[in-house]
Structures are given as C-alpha cells and as structure tokens.
Amino acid sequence: MTTSSSGFLARVRVRARIVFAVCLVLTLSACGFHLRGSNGSFMLPFATMNITLPDSSPLAIDLKRYIRAIGSTDIVDTREAADAVLDVLGDPERNRTKSILSLNSNGRVSEYQLGYSINFRVVDKAGNVLLAPTVISLTRPITFNESQVLAKETEEAALYRDMRNDLVQQIMRRLAAIKPVLPAMSVAPVAPVTPVTPVAPAVRQ
C-alpha cells in the first residue's frame, strides 16, 4: 500500500469517528439526555422566582444569568410576585475567606486556602419552606510566591470566580430538586348510594 493510500484511509477513519460521535450526541439528546452543565440539566419547578441579593452582587448576577438562560423561569423583583423566593441568609461576598494552609522551611507562607460559602433557603409566596436553610462551602488551595505577587493575585481572583460558578451550579441542582407544596384540594362530599332492590320477574300463569 502506498503512502498516499495510507494517508487517505487515516483521514477516512478520523472522519468516520467524528460522524459517529456527532450521531451519538444527537441520539442522546433526542432521548432526553443532556450533557452536564447544559440548560436542560436544571429545569426549575417555578414559573417565577425572587432572589434576595443586591443586583450588584457577583453571585446574583451569575445566578440570574443562568436562570434566564434556561428560559422556563422568570426573575421578578418582589417576593409577592414570586412562586419561590431564594432567601440568602447573609452576604456571600463577606463569606469569602483566606487562611494560611502551610509554611515553608523558613516559616514563610507557601500556600493559602481560599473559601467561599453561601447560606440560603427557599420559601414560596405562602411562606411554606420548600428548602430548609442550606450551607454550601467551597475551598481552593493556592500556592504563594513573594516574587510573583501580581500573578498570584490574578490566580486568586480566578479561583474565586471558579468557586462562584461552582456555587451557582450547586444552587441550581438543589432548586431543580425541589417539589413545590401543592395547595390542599377541597373535595365535595359524596352522597351515599342507595342500594337498588332487584325486581323479581313476573310469573306467567
């Protein structure tokens, strides 16, 4: 077999694998399967939702953007207009932490641990608790080098963004798993059924 023929067959095999992969993804999507992180993974059981975070909060901005991208739930400005309220207990930005994780042989900091957490609950407009107070806490290690302060500050900001994105994903998973409290249904009383006495057939003389 010539070199050109071998190259042609290799290209055919690569294209065949690509076509197979595309067909597999399309088949799974048609069956209702969605890749992790796609909008279909976190369909929320609420038509409207209110989030008790300032509009300027980075976490609120990311969370609202994610919910709007799904398209099935509208973000409203008041609790009264919401089917569900994401009630954030405390300011997540104040819950960002940075603590010493390890020291080098000279007693200088060689590694920090970054933390980011949120405490929240979910209630409906009637005050029913749909999700009890829940705390999500994340941590990330980061090495420290005195000769690379600016680079480490950039890395630190990127790690906080990564944790914020992770928080949004975990919040969405918990929201999607909520089963709304259905209002009690009034049932009309059922009238008693009077038994029917069978009539004996007439006897011919």
Protein backbone atom coordinates (compact mmCIF):
# COMPACT_ATOMS: atom_id res chain seq x y z
CA MET A 1 0.00 0.00 0.00
CA THR A 2 1.36 3.41 -0.95
CA THR A 3 1.89 6.29 1.48
CA SER A 4 -0.86 8.34 -0.15
CA SER A 5 -3.33 5.47 0.22
CA SER A 6 -2.46 5.08 3.91
CA GLY A 7 -2.98 8.79 4.49
CA PHE A 8 -6.35 8.69 2.72
CA LEU A 9 -7.55 5.75 4.84
CA ALA A 10 -6.42 7.52 8.02
CA ARG A 11 -8.42 10.60 7.10
CA VAL A 12 -11.47 8.45 6.35
CA ARG A 13 -11.20 6.78 9.77
CA VAL A 14 -10.94 10.15 11.54
CA ARG A 15 -13.98 11.50 9.71
CA ALA A 16 -15.93 8.33 10.49
CA ARG A 17 -15.16 8.74 14.20
CA ILE A 18 -16.29 12.36 14.12
CA VAL A 19 -19.55 11.44 12.39
CA PHE A 20 -20.15 8.65 14.91
CA ALA A 21 -19.54 10.99 17.85
CA VAL A 22 -21.93 13.60 16.45
CA CYS A 23 -24.63 10.97 15.83
CA LEU A 24 -24.19 9.65 19.38
CA VAL A 25 -24.65 13.12 20.90
CA LEU A 26 -27.74 13.77 18.76
CA THR A 27 -29.22 10.40 19.73
CA LEU A 28 -28.69 11.01 23.45
CA SER A 29 -30.20 14.48 23.18
CA ALA A 30 -33.26 13.09 21.42
CA CYS A 31 -33.72 10.63 24.29
CA GLY A 32 -33.80 13.48 26.79
CA PHE A 33 -30.21 13.18 27.96
CA HIS A 34 -28.31 16.45 28.40
CA LEU A 35 -24.61 16.96 28.93
CA ARG A 36 -23.58 18.11 32.42
CA GLY A 37 -23.90 21.85 32.72
CA SER A 38 -26.35 22.28 29.83
CA ASN A 39 -29.54 24.24 30.41
CA GLY A 40 -31.67 21.12 30.31
CA SER A 41 -29.92 19.73 33.39
CA PHE A 42 -31.57 22.17 35.79
CA MET A 43 -35.18 22.84 34.79
CA LEU A 44 -36.75 24.66 37.74
CA PRO A 45 -40.26 23.82 39.02
CA PHE A 46 -41.21 27.51 39.37
CA ALA A 47 -42.61 29.95 36.82
CA THR A 48 -41.27 32.97 38.75
CA MET A 49 -38.51 33.46 41.33
CA ASN A 50 -37.19 36.24 43.52
CA ILE A 51 -33.57 36.29 44.72
CA THR A 52 -32.82 38.29 47.87
CA LEU A 53 -29.39 39.52 46.84
CA PRO A 54 -28.37 43.02 45.73
CA ASP A 55 -28.37 43.47 41.97
CA SER A 56 -24.67 44.33 42.18
CA SER A 57 -23.77 41.02 43.84
CA PRO A 58 -21.49 38.97 41.54
CA LEU A 59 -23.21 35.78 42.71
CA ALA A 60 -26.66 37.24 41.99
CA ILE A 61 -25.55 38.36 38.53
CA ASP A 62 -24.25 34.89 37.64
CA LEU A 63 -27.25 33.10 39.15
CA LYS A 64 -29.81 35.30 37.38
CA ARG A 65 -27.95 34.94 34.09
CA TYR A 66 -28.05 31.16 34.43
CA ILE A 67 -31.77 31.07 35.29
CA ARG A 68 -32.66 33.40 32.42
CA ALA A 69 -30.66 31.23 30.03
CA ILE A 70 -32.85 28.26 30.92
CA GLY A 71 -35.90 30.21 29.78
CA SER A 72 -38.53 28.44 31.91
CA THR A 73 -38.37 30.71 34.98
CA ASP A 74 -38.72 34.50 35.16
CA ILE A 75 -36.83 36.57 37.74
CA VAL A 76 -39.15 39.04 39.50
CA ASP A 77 -38.29 41.98 41.75
CA THR A 78 -40.67 41.32 44.65
CA ARG A 79 -41.35 38.37 46.91
CA GLU A 80 -45.10 38.81 46.48
CA ALA A 81 -44.89 38.22 42.73
CA ALA A 82 -42.72 35.11 43.04
CA ASP A 83 -43.71 31.47 43.15
CA ALA A 84 -40.46 30.82 45.01
CA VAL A 85 -38.05 33.04 46.93
CA LEU A 86 -34.35 32.23 47.14
CA ASP A 87 -33.73 33.77 50.55
CA VAL A 88 -29.99 34.30 51.01
CA LEU A 89 -29.04 34.47 54.69
CA GLY A 90 -26.07 36.83 54.87
CA ASP A 91 -23.78 38.33 52.25
CA PRO A 92 -21.81 35.63 50.38
CA GLU A 93 -19.10 38.15 49.46
CA ARG A 94 -18.37 38.62 53.15
CA ASN A 95 -18.09 34.86 53.50
CA ARG A 96 -15.02 34.76 51.27
CA THR A 97 -12.05 33.69 53.37
CA LYS A 98 -8.30 33.33 53.00
CA SER A 99 -6.32 31.39 55.57
CA ILE A 100 -2.78 30.05 55.83
CA LEU A 101 -2.57 26.43 54.73
CA SER A 102 1.16 25.71 55.01
CA LEU A 103 4.55 27.30 55.70
CA ASN A 104 7.92 26.66 54.11
CA SER A 105 11.12 25.75 55.95
CA ASN A 106 11.81 29.45 56.61
CA GLY A 107 8.47 29.94 58.31
CA ARG A 108 7.03 31.92 55.42
CA VAL A 109 3.64 31.25 53.87
CA SER A 110 3.88 28.82 50.97
CA GLU A 111 0.20 28.05 50.50
CA TYR A 112 -3.16 29.63 51.31
CA GLN A 113 -6.64 28.17 51.38
CA LEU A 114 -9.42 30.25 49.84
CA GLY A 115 -13.01 29.78 50.96
CA TYR A 116 -16.40 30.80 49.59
CA SER A 117 -19.75 29.88 51.13
CA ILE A 118 -23.44 30.68 50.97
CA ASN A 119 -26.32 30.06 53.38
CA PHE A 120 -29.78 30.12 51.85
CA ARG A 121 -33.29 28.71 51.99
CA VAL A 122 -36.25 28.62 49.61
CA VAL A 123 -39.84 29.52 50.51
CA ASP A 124 -42.97 30.02 48.45
CA LYS A 125 -45.26 33.05 48.47
CA ALA A 126 -47.39 31.48 51.21
CA GLY A 127 -44.38 31.12 53.49
CA ASN A 128 -44.05 27.37 53.10
CA VAL A 129 -40.45 26.22 53.41
CA LEU A 130 -39.52 24.42 50.21
CA LEU A 131 -35.87 24.03 51.14
CA ALA A 132 -34.59 24.32 54.70
CA PRO A 133 -31.56 26.56 55.37
CA THR A 134 -28.69 25.07 53.42
CA VAL A 135 -24.99 25.90 53.59
CA ILE A 136 -22.68 25.28 50.65
CA SER A 137 -18.98 25.78 51.40
CA LEU A 138 -16.15 25.51 48.90
CA THR A 139 -12.38 25.74 49.29
CA ARG A 140 -9.45 26.01 46.90
CA PRO A 141 -5.71 25.86 47.71
CA ILE A 142 -3.35 28.39 46.16
CA THR A 143 0.43 28.48 46.38
CA PHE A 144 2.18 31.72 47.29
CA ASN A 145 5.39 33.19 45.94
CA GLU A 146 6.65 36.59 47.04
CA SER A 147 8.31 37.13 43.67
CA GLN A 148 5.03 36.62 41.80
CA VAL A 149 2.58 38.73 43.79
CA LEU A 150 0.67 40.16 40.82
CA ALA A 151 0.40 36.78 39.12
CA LYS A 152 -0.88 35.23 42.34
CA GLU A 153 -3.48 37.97 42.77
CA THR A 154 -4.77 37.19 39.29
CA GLU A 155 -4.83 33.48 40.08
CA GLU A 156 -6.66 34.16 43.35
CA ALA A 157 -9.36 36.17 41.56
CA ALA A 158 -9.75 33.36 39.03
CA LEU A 159 -10.17 30.79 41.81
CA TYR A 160 -12.88 32.87 43.49
CA ARG A 161 -14.68 33.10 40.12
CA ASP A 162 -14.38 29.33 39.75
CA MET A 163 -15.87 28.80 43.21
CA ARG A 164 -18.67 31.25 42.44
CA ASN A 165 -19.53 29.31 39.29
CA ASP A 166 -19.46 26.09 41.30
CA LEU A 167 -21.80 27.63 43.88
CA VAL A 168 -24.25 28.58 41.13
CA GLN A 169 -24.19 25.02 39.78
CA GLN A 170 -24.82 23.52 43.22
CA ILE A 171 -27.61 26.00 43.99
CA MET A 172 -29.28 25.17 40.69
CA ARG A 173 -29.13 21.44 41.46
CA ARG A 174 -30.89 21.99 44.77
CA LEU A 175 -33.50 24.28 43.23
CA ALA A 176 -34.24 21.77 40.46
CA ALA A 177 -34.81 19.02 43.04
CA ILE A 178 -37.46 20.97 44.98
CA LYS A 179 -41.03 19.71 44.89
CA PRO A 180 -43.44 22.66 45.37
CA VAL A 181 -46.07 22.40 48.08
CA LEU A 182 -49.39 21.90 46.33
CA PRO A 183 -52.44 23.69 47.78
CA ALA A 184 -54.92 21.48 49.58
CA MET A 185 -57.75 20.46 47.29
CA SER A 186 -61.32 20.71 48.56
CA VAL A 187 -63.25 17.56 47.93
CA ALA A 188 -67.02 17.73 47.57
CA PRO A 189 -68.91 15.34 49.87
CA VAL A 190 -70.08 12.21 48.18
CA ALA A 191 -73.78 11.44 48.56
CA PRO A 192 -74.49 7.97 49.92
CA VAL A 193 -75.53 5.46 47.33
CA THR A 194 -78.95 3.92 47.94
CA PRO A 195 -78.88 0.23 47.13
CA VAL A 196 -81.29 -0.80 44.41
CA THR A 197 -83.58 -3.70 45.27
CA PRO A 198 -83.77 -6.08 42.35
CA VAL A 199 -87.29 -6.58 40.98
CA ALA A 200 -88.35 -10.20 40.66
CA PRO A 201 -89.61 -11.11 37.20
CA ALA A 202 -93.37 -11.56 36.89
CA VAL A 203 -94.54 -15.19 36.85
CA ARG A 204 -96.88 -16.09 34.00
CA GLN A 205 -99.99 -18.17 34.93
